[in-house]
Amino acid sequence: MRHSRAAAGAQLACAGMLLCLLLFWLRTADLLYALFFGLRSYPGAGEALADTFTTLRGWMLLLTGRLVGGLFAGFAFAIAFMPCRC
């Protein structure tokens, strides 16, 4: 019974790390949007899609976001498969 409680604690810690990573990932996405489009209010889905796919800064946002997102995905993968030392 003690072994299952220790494993549950390790799983809870791993889930907490993944949640913190997700929140940091979302904050980074907001920061990237602000860096490329400025601190203006969100224009709506139609205009945002047009800005993203028809302007150079939109394509740069997609490229940068893909690279940064790939790094975060690698960290999430590494955290999810860390060996438990229970």
PDB file of N, CA and C in Angstrom:
ATOM      1  N   MET A   1       0.828  -1.197   0.000  1.00  0.00           N
ATOM      2  CA  MET A   1       0.000   0.000   0.000  1.00  0.00           C
ATOM      3  C   MET A   1       0.870   1.257   0.000  1.00  0.00           C
ATOM      4  N   ARG A   2       1.982   1.205   0.710  1.00  0.00           N
ATOM      5  CA  ARG A   2       2.846   2.374   0.735  1.00  0.00           C
ATOM      6  C   ARG A   2       3.447   2.652  -0.640  1.00  0.00           C
ATOM      7  N   HIS A   3       3.758   1.597  -1.364  1.00  0.00           N
ATOM      8  CA  HIS A   3       4.365   1.774  -2.678  1.00  0.00           C
ATOM      9  C   HIS A   3       3.414   2.505  -3.620  1.00  0.00           C
ATOM     10  N   SER A   4       2.149   2.213  -3.572  1.00  0.00           N
ATOM     11  CA  SER A   4       1.197   2.881  -4.464  1.00  0.00           C
ATOM     12  C   SER A   4       1.023   4.348  -4.089  1.00  0.00           C
ATOM     13  N   ARG A   5       1.122   4.663  -2.801  1.00  0.00           N
ATOM     14  CA  ARG A   5       1.018   6.066  -2.402  1.00  0.00           C
ATOM     15  C   ARG A   5       2.241   6.859  -2.851  1.00  0.00           C
ATOM     16  N   ALA A   6       3.403   6.234  -2.796  1.00  0.00           N
ATOM     17  CA  ALA A   6       4.614   6.916  -3.248  1.00  0.00           C
ATOM     18  C   ALA A   6       4.552   7.129  -4.756  1.00  0.00           C
ATOM     19  N   ALA A   7       4.056   6.142  -5.480  1.00  0.00           N
ATOM     20  CA  ALA A   7       3.935   6.281  -6.936  1.00  0.00           C
ATOM     21  C   ALA A   7       2.914   7.356  -7.283  1.00  0.00           C
ATOM     22  N   ALA A   8       1.846   7.425  -6.498  1.00  0.00           N
ATOM     23  CA  ALA A   8       0.834   8.454  -6.754  1.00  0.00           C
ATOM     24  C   ALA A   8       1.414   9.845  -6.515  1.00  0.00           C
ATOM     25  N   GLY A   9       2.251   9.994  -5.529  1.00  0.00           N
ATOM     26  CA  GLY A   9       2.886  11.282  -5.274  1.00  0.00           C
ATOM     27  C   GLY A   9       3.817  11.691  -6.399  1.00  0.00           C
ATOM     28  N   ALA A  10       4.547  10.718  -6.942  1.00  0.00           N
ATOM     29  CA  ALA A  10       5.434  11.010  -8.066  1.00  0.00           C
ATOM     30  C   ALA A  10       4.630  11.388  -9.302  1.00  0.00           C
ATOM     31  N   GLN A  11       3.522  10.703  -9.523  1.00  0.00           N
ATOM     32  CA  GLN A  11       2.671  11.021 -10.672  1.00  0.00           C
ATOM     33  C   GLN A  11       2.056  12.408 -10.517  1.00  0.00           C
ATOM     34  N   LEU A  12       1.674  12.751  -9.309  1.00  0.00           N
ATOM     35  CA  LEU A  12       1.109  14.074  -9.051  1.00  0.00           C
ATOM     36  C   LEU A  12       2.154  15.166  -9.291  1.00  0.00           C
ATOM     37  N   ALA A  13       3.379  14.921  -8.879  1.00  0.00           N
ATOM     38  CA  ALA A  13       4.449  15.893  -9.119  1.00  0.00           C
ATOM     39  C   ALA A  13       4.714  16.052 -10.616  1.00  0.00           C
ATOM     40  N   CYS A  14       4.685  14.951 -11.343  1.00  0.00           N
ATOM     41  CA  CYS A  14       4.901  15.006 -12.790  1.00  0.00           C
ATOM     42  C   CYS A  14       3.756  15.764 -13.471  1.00  0.00           C
ATOM     43  N   ALA A  15       2.533  15.515 -13.040  1.00  0.00           N
ATOM     44  CA  ALA A  15       1.390  16.237 -13.602  1.00  0.00           C
ATOM     45  C   ALA A  15       1.480  17.726 -13.283  1.00  0.00           C
ATOM     46  N   GLY A  16       1.958  18.067 -12.100  1.00  0.00           N
ATOM     47  CA  GLY A  16       2.137  19.472 -11.736  1.00  0.00           C
ATOM     48  C   GLY A  16       3.184  20.151 -12.599  1.00  0.00           C
ATOM     49  N   MET A  17       4.268  19.439 -12.888  1.00  0.00           N
ATOM     50  CA  MET A  17       5.303  20.010 -13.762  1.00  0.00           C
ATOM     51  C   MET A  17       4.760  20.224 -15.170  1.00  0.00           C
ATOM     52  N   LEU A  18       3.960  19.272 -15.670  1.00  0.00           N
ATOM     53  CA  LEU A  18       3.373  19.425 -17.003  1.00  0.00           C
ATOM     54  C   LEU A  18       2.394  20.593 -17.044  1.00  0.00           C
ATOM     55  N   LEU A  19       1.634  20.782 -15.970  1.00  0.00           N
ATOM     56  CA  LEU A  19       0.701  21.909 -15.912  1.00  0.00           C
ATOM     57  C   LEU A  19       1.453  23.236 -15.902  1.00  0.00           C
ATOM     58  N   CYS A  20       2.522  23.323 -15.135  1.00  0.00           N
ATOM     59  CA  CYS A  20       3.335  24.551 -15.126  1.00  0.00           C
ATOM     60  C   CYS A  20       3.944  24.811 -16.494  1.00  0.00           C
ATOM     61  N   LEU A  21       4.396  23.756 -17.164  1.00  0.00           N
ATOM     62  CA  LEU A  21       4.950  23.907 -18.504  1.00  0.00           C
ATOM     63  C   LEU A  21       3.885  24.402 -19.475  1.00  0.00           C
ATOM     64  N   LEU A  22       2.674  23.874 -19.371  1.00  0.00           N
ATOM     65  CA  LEU A  22       1.582  24.313 -20.241  1.00  0.00           C
ATOM     66  C   LEU A  22       1.272  25.794 -20.038  1.00  0.00           C
ATOM     67  N   LEU A  23       1.200  26.230 -18.785  1.00  0.00           N
ATOM     68  CA  LEU A  23       0.917  27.639 -18.505  1.00  0.00           C
ATOM     69  C   LEU A  23       2.030  28.542 -19.021  1.00  0.00           C
ATOM     70  N   PHE A  24       3.276  28.108 -18.887  1.00  0.00           N
ATOM     71  CA  PHE A  24       4.406  28.878 -19.408  1.00  0.00           C
ATOM     72  C   PHE A  24       4.374  28.903 -20.936  1.00  0.00           C
ATOM     73  N   TRP A  25       3.969  27.801 -21.549  1.00  0.00           N
ATOM     74  CA  TRP A  25       3.853  27.700 -23.005  1.00  0.00           C
ATOM     75  C   TRP A  25       2.803  28.677 -23.522  1.00  0.00           C
ATOM     76  N   LEU A  26       1.662  28.743 -22.853  1.00  0.00           N
ATOM     77  CA  LEU A  26       0.607  29.677 -23.256  1.00  0.00           C
ATOM     78  C   LEU A  26       1.064  31.122 -23.093  1.00  0.00           C
ATOM     79  N   ARG A  27       1.760  31.413 -22.032  1.00  0.00           N
ATOM     80  CA  ARG A  27       2.261  32.775 -21.805  1.00  0.00           C
ATOM     81  C   ARG A  27       3.289  33.152 -22.871  1.00  0.00           C
ATOM     82  N   THR A  28       4.116  32.201 -23.257  1.00  0.00           N
ATOM     83  CA  THR A  28       5.093  32.452 -24.307  1.00  0.00           C
ATOM     84  C   THR A  28       4.404  32.726 -25.639  1.00  0.00           C
ATOM     85  N   ALA A  29       3.321  32.013 -25.926  1.00  0.00           N
ATOM     86  CA  ALA A  29       2.560  32.261 -27.163  1.00  0.00           C
ATOM     87  C   ALA A  29       1.975  33.672 -27.161  1.00  0.00           C
ATOM     88  N   ASP A  30       1.465  34.113 -26.021  1.00  0.00           N
ATOM     89  CA  ASP A  30       0.961  35.493 -25.919  1.00  0.00           C
ATOM     90  C   ASP A  30       2.080  36.503 -26.153  1.00  0.00           C
ATOM     91  N   LEU A  31       3.240  36.235 -25.599  1.00  0.00           N
ATOM     92  CA  LEU A  31       4.380  37.127 -25.766  1.00  0.00           C
ATOM     93  C   LEU A  31       4.820  37.188 -27.226  1.00  0.00           C
ATOM     94  N   LEU A  32       4.852  36.051 -27.899  1.00  0.00           N
ATOM     95  CA  LEU A  32       5.223  36.041 -29.314  1.00  0.00           C
ATOM     96  C   LEU A  32       4.224  36.840 -30.148  1.00  0.00           C
ATOM     97  N   TYR A  33       2.940  36.676 -29.869  1.00  0.00           N
ATOM     98  CA  TYR A  33       1.926  37.438 -30.599  1.00  0.00           C
ATOM     99  C   TYR A  33       2.133  38.940 -30.387  1.00  0.00           C
ATOM    100  N   ALA A  34       2.404  39.320 -29.137  1.00  0.00           N
ATOM    101  CA  ALA A  34       2.622  40.739 -28.839  1.00  0.00           C
ATOM    102  C   ALA A  34       3.898  41.259 -29.503  1.00  0.00           C
ATOM    103  N   LEU A  35       4.924  40.435 -29.603  1.00  0.00           N
ATOM    104  CA  LEU A  35       6.163  40.871 -30.254  1.00  0.00           C
ATOM    105  C   LEU A  35       5.967  41.107 -31.747  1.00  0.00           C
ATOM    106  N   PHE A  36       5.157  40.284 -32.389  1.00  0.00           N
ATOM    107  CA  PHE A  36       4.989  40.410 -33.828  1.00  0.00           C
ATOM    108  C   PHE A  36       3.863  41.360 -34.226  1.00  0.00           C
ATOM    109  N   PHE A  37       2.801  41.446 -33.432  1.00  0.00           N
ATOM    110  CA  PHE A  37       1.654  42.269 -33.810  1.00  0.00           C
ATOM    111  C   PHE A  37       1.428  43.462 -32.894  1.00  0.00           C
ATOM    112  N   GLY A  38       2.234  43.620 -31.878  1.00  0.00           N
ATOM    113  CA  GLY A  38       2.086  44.756 -30.976  1.00  0.00           C
ATOM    114  C   GLY A  38       1.043  44.501 -29.897  1.00  0.00           C
ATOM    115  N   LEU A  39       0.852  45.496 -29.069  1.00  0.00           N
ATOM    116  CA  LEU A  39      -0.066  45.362 -27.936  1.00  0.00           C
ATOM    117  C   LEU A  39      -1.462  45.885 -28.278  1.00  0.00           C
ATOM    118  N   ARG A  40      -1.947  45.535 -29.426  1.00  0.00           N
ATOM    119  CA  ARG A  40      -3.301  45.947 -29.801  1.00  0.00           C
ATOM    120  C   ARG A  40      -4.284  44.850 -29.409  1.00  0.00           C
ATOM    121  N   SER A  41      -5.536  45.196 -29.341  1.00  0.00           N
ATOM    122  CA  SER A  41      -6.536  44.208 -28.955  1.00  0.00           C
ATOM    123  C   SER A  41      -6.716  43.190 -30.081  1.00  0.00           C
ATOM    124  N   TYR A  42      -7.224  42.031 -29.727  1.00  0.00           N
ATOM    125  CA  TYR A  42      -7.417  40.956 -30.700  1.00  0.00           C
ATOM    126  C   TYR A  42      -8.470  41.400 -31.719  1.00  0.00           C
ATOM    127  N   PRO A  43      -8.146  41.370 -33.016  1.00  0.00           N
ATOM    128  CA  PRO A  43      -9.035  41.941 -34.022  1.00  0.00           C
ATOM    129  C   PRO A  43     -10.223  41.057 -34.390  1.00  0.00           C
ATOM    130  N   GLY A  44     -10.235  39.825 -33.990  1.00  0.00           N
ATOM    131  CA  GLY A  44     -11.271  38.891 -34.387  1.00  0.00           C
ATOM    132  C   GLY A  44     -10.660  37.803 -35.250  1.00  0.00           C
ATOM    133  N   ALA A  45     -11.361  36.700 -35.386  1.00  0.00           N
ATOM    134  CA  ALA A  45     -10.796  35.534 -36.062  1.00  0.00           C
ATOM    135  C   ALA A  45     -10.482  35.802 -37.533  1.00  0.00           C
ATOM    136  N   GLY A  46     -11.394  36.429 -38.246  1.00  0.00           N
ATOM    137  CA  GLY A  46     -11.186  36.654 -39.670  1.00  0.00           C
ATOM    138  C   GLY A  46      -9.985  37.533 -39.964  1.00  0.00           C
ATOM    139  N   GLU A  47      -9.908  38.641 -39.274  1.00  0.00           N
ATOM    140  CA  GLU A  47      -8.784  39.564 -39.495  1.00  0.00           C
ATOM    141  C   GLU A  47      -7.471  38.976 -38.989  1.00  0.00           C
ATOM    142  N   ALA A  48      -7.526  38.241 -37.882  1.00  0.00           N
ATOM    143  CA  ALA A  48      -6.305  37.622 -37.363  1.00  0.00           C
ATOM    144  C   ALA A  48      -5.777  36.574 -38.337  1.00  0.00           C
ATOM    145  N   LEU A  49      -6.656  35.778 -38.924  1.00  0.00           N
ATOM    146  CA  LEU A  49      -6.218  34.792 -39.917  1.00  0.00           C
ATOM    147  C   LEU A  49      -5.646  35.474 -41.153  1.00  0.00           C
ATOM    148  N   ALA A  50      -6.289  36.536 -41.590  1.00  0.00           N
ATOM    149  CA  ALA A  50      -5.781  37.269 -42.751  1.00  0.00           C
ATOM    150  C   ALA A  50      -4.413  37.878 -42.447  1.00  0.00           C
ATOM    151  N   ASP A  51      -4.251  38.464 -41.271  1.00  0.00           N
ATOM    152  CA  ASP A  51      -2.956  39.034 -40.880  1.00  0.00           C
ATOM    153  C   ASP A  51      -1.877  37.956 -40.793  1.00  0.00           C
ATOM    154  N   THR A  52      -2.258  36.794 -40.318  1.00  0.00           N
ATOM    155  CA  THR A  52      -1.283  35.732 -40.122  1.00  0.00           C
ATOM    156  C   THR A  52      -0.802  35.145 -41.442  1.00  0.00           C
ATOM    157  N   PHE A  53      -1.711  34.929 -42.372  1.00  0.00           N
ATOM    158  CA  PHE A  53      -1.336  34.217 -43.591  1.00  0.00           C
ATOM    159  C   PHE A  53      -1.007  35.112 -44.784  1.00  0.00           C
ATOM    160  N   THR A  54      -1.239  36.401 -44.667  1.00  0.00           N
ATOM    161  CA  THR A  54      -0.981  37.276 -45.817  1.00  0.00           C
ATOM    162  C   THR A  54       0.099  38.320 -45.574  1.00  0.00           C
ATOM    163  N   THR A  55       0.662  38.369 -44.376  1.00  0.00           N
ATOM    164  CA  THR A  55       1.709  39.353 -44.105  1.00  0.00           C
ATOM    165  C   THR A  55       3.006  38.651 -43.735  1.00  0.00           C
ATOM    166  N   LEU A  56       4.103  39.354 -43.927  1.00  0.00           N
ATOM    167  CA  LEU A  56       5.413  38.797 -43.585  1.00  0.00           C
ATOM    168  C   LEU A  56       5.528  38.560 -42.080  1.00  0.00           C
ATOM    169  N   ARG A  57       5.044  39.495 -41.290  1.00  0.00           N
ATOM    170  CA  ARG A  57       5.155  39.305 -39.832  1.00  0.00           C
ATOM    171  C   ARG A  57       4.299  38.136 -39.356  1.00  0.00           C
ATOM    172  N   GLY A  58       3.193  37.861 -40.061  1.00  0.00           N
ATOM    173  CA  GLY A  58       2.388  36.694 -39.725  1.00  0.00           C
ATOM    174  C   GLY A  58       3.125  35.396 -39.998  1.00  0.00           C
ATOM    175  N   TRP A  59       3.812  35.323 -41.134  1.00  0.00           N
ATOM    176  CA  TRP A  59       4.592  34.137 -41.467  1.00  0.00           C
ATOM    177  C   TRP A  59       5.772  33.973 -40.518  1.00  0.00           C
ATOM    178  N   MET A  60       6.369  35.088 -40.119  1.00  0.00           N
ATOM    179  CA  MET A  60       7.462  35.014 -39.148  1.00  0.00           C
ATOM    180  C   MET A  60       6.951  34.530 -37.786  1.00  0.00           C
ATOM    181  N   LEU A  61       5.747  34.967 -37.411  1.00  0.00           N
ATOM    182  CA  LEU A  61       5.136  34.477 -36.171  1.00  0.00           C
ATOM    183  C   LEU A  61       4.911  32.975 -36.253  1.00  0.00           C
ATOM    184  N   LEU A  62       4.405  32.487 -37.378  1.00  0.00           N
ATOM    185  CA  LEU A  62       4.181  31.052 -37.536  1.00  0.00           C
ATOM    186  C   LEU A  62       5.488  30.264 -37.449  1.00  0.00           C
ATOM    187  N   LEU A  63       6.521  30.757 -38.085  1.00  0.00           N
ATOM    188  CA  LEU A  63       7.809  30.072 -38.054  1.00  0.00           C
ATOM    189  C   LEU A  63       8.408  30.070 -36.648  1.00  0.00           C
ATOM    190  N   THR A  64       8.423  31.216 -36.019  1.00  0.00           N
ATOM    191  CA  THR A  64       8.969  31.320 -34.664  1.00  0.00           C
ATOM    192  C   THR A  64       8.140  30.505 -33.675  1.00  0.00           C
ATOM    193  N   GLY A  65       6.824  30.595 -33.800  1.00  0.00           N
ATOM    194  CA  GLY A  65       5.947  29.833 -32.915  1.00  0.00           C
ATOM    195  C   GLY A  65       6.125  28.336 -33.069  1.00  0.00           C
ATOM    196  N   ARG A  66       6.359  27.901 -34.302  1.00  0.00           N
ATOM    197  CA  ARG A  66       6.592  26.477 -34.534  1.00  0.00           C
ATOM    198  C   ARG A  66       7.895  26.032 -33.882  1.00  0.00           C
ATOM    199  N   LEU A  67       8.937  26.827 -33.983  1.00  0.00           N
ATOM    200  CA  LEU A  67      10.220  26.468 -33.370  1.00  0.00           C
ATOM    201  C   LEU A  67      10.134  26.459 -31.848  1.00  0.00           C
ATOM    202  N   VAL A  68       9.531  27.497 -31.284  1.00  0.00           N
ATOM    203  CA  VAL A  68       9.398  27.575 -29.822  1.00  0.00           C
ATOM    204  C   VAL A  68       8.462  26.478 -29.328  1.00  0.00           C
ATOM    205  N   GLY A  69       7.383  26.236 -30.042  1.00  0.00           N
ATOM    206  CA  GLY A  69       6.463  25.163 -29.658  1.00  0.00           C
ATOM    207  C   GLY A  69       7.111  23.799 -29.712  1.00  0.00           C
ATOM    208  N   GLY A  70       8.009  23.590 -30.682  1.00  0.00           N
ATOM    209  CA  GLY A  70       8.736  22.323 -30.750  1.00  0.00           C
ATOM    210  C   GLY A  70       9.637  22.119 -29.545  1.00  0.00           C
ATOM    211  N   LEU A  71      10.255  23.197 -29.077  1.00  0.00           N
ATOM    212  CA  LEU A  71      11.071  23.095 -27.860  1.00  0.00           C
ATOM    213  C   LEU A  71      10.220  22.732 -26.647  1.00  0.00           C
ATOM    214  N   PHE A  72       9.072  23.392 -26.523  1.00  0.00           N
ATOM    215  CA  PHE A  72       8.186  23.076 -25.403  1.00  0.00           C
ATOM    216  C   PHE A  72       7.667  21.642 -25.500  1.00  0.00           C
ATOM    217  N   ALA A  73       7.358  21.173 -26.698  1.00  0.00           N
ATOM    218  CA  ALA A  73       6.899  19.796 -26.873  1.00  0.00           C
ATOM    219  C   ALA A  73       7.999  18.809 -26.480  1.00  0.00           C
ATOM    220  N   GLY A  74       9.238  19.131 -26.802  1.00  0.00           N
ATOM    221  CA  GLY A  74      10.350  18.279 -26.385  1.00  0.00           C
ATOM    222  C   GLY A  74      10.488  18.219 -24.875  1.00  0.00           C
ATOM    223  N   PHE A  75      10.332  19.359 -24.213  1.00  0.00           N
ATOM    224  CA  PHE A  75      10.376  19.366 -22.745  1.00  0.00           C
ATOM    225  C   PHE A  75       9.228  18.560 -22.159  1.00  0.00           C
ATOM    226  N   ALA A  76       8.031  18.711 -22.719  1.00  0.00           N
ATOM    227  CA  ALA A  76       6.870  17.958 -22.224  1.00  0.00           C
ATOM    228  C   ALA A  76       7.091  16.459 -22.410  1.00  0.00           C
ATOM    229  N   PHE A  77       7.640  16.068 -23.543  1.00  0.00           N
ATOM    230  CA  PHE A  77       7.928  14.662 -23.798  1.00  0.00           C
ATOM    231  C   PHE A  77       8.946  14.141 -22.788  1.00  0.00           C
ATOM    232  N   ALA A  78       9.970  14.931 -22.514  1.00  0.00           N
ATOM    233  CA  ALA A  78      10.993  14.504 -21.553  1.00  0.00           C
ATOM    234  C   ALA A  78      10.418  14.381 -20.152  1.00  0.00           C
ATOM    235  N   ILE A  79       9.561  15.307 -19.749  1.00  0.00           N
ATOM    236  CA  ILE A  79       8.956  15.249 -18.424  1.00  0.00           C
ATOM    237  C   ILE A  79       8.021  14.051 -18.307  1.00  0.00           C
ATOM    238  N   ALA A  80       7.266  13.786 -19.355  1.00  0.00           N
ATOM    239  CA  ALA A  80       6.288  12.695 -19.295  1.00  0.00           C
ATOM    240  C   ALA A  80       6.965  11.321 -19.201  1.00  0.00           C
ATOM    241  N   PHE A  81       8.188  11.200 -19.715  1.00  0.00           N
ATOM    242  CA  PHE A  81       8.855   9.921 -19.693  1.00  0.00           C
ATOM    243  C   PHE A  81      10.035   9.866 -18.742  1.00  0.00           C
ATOM    244  N   MET A  82      10.043  10.752 -17.746  1.00  0.00           N
ATOM    245  CA  MET A  82      11.090  10.689 -16.724  1.00  0.00           C
ATOM    246  C   MET A  82      10.871   9.424 -15.892  1.00  0.00           C
ATOM    247  N   PRO A  83      11.926   8.717 -15.574  1.00  0.00           N
ATOM    248  CA  PRO A  83      11.754   7.510 -14.751  1.00  0.00           C
ATOM    249  C   PRO A  83      11.428   7.899 -13.311  1.00  0.00           C
ATOM    250  N   CYS A  84      10.517   7.174 -12.718  1.00  0.00           N
ATOM    251  CA  CYS A  84      10.169   7.402 -11.308  1.00  0.00           C
ATOM    252  C   CYS A  84      11.193   6.710 -10.420  1.00  0.00           C
ATOM    253  N   ARG A  85      11.672   7.406  -9.445  1.00  0.00           N
ATOM    254  CA  ARG A  85      12.641   6.847  -8.496  1.00  0.00           C
ATOM    255  C   ARG A  85      11.921   6.549  -7.177  1.00  0.00           C
ATOM    256  N   CYS A  86      10.947   5.675  -7.242  1.00  0.00           N
ATOM    257  CA  CYS A  86      10.123   5.364  -6.053  1.00  0.00           C
ATOM    258  C   CYS A  86      10.685   4.194  -5.301  1.00  0.00           C
TER     259      CYS A  86
END
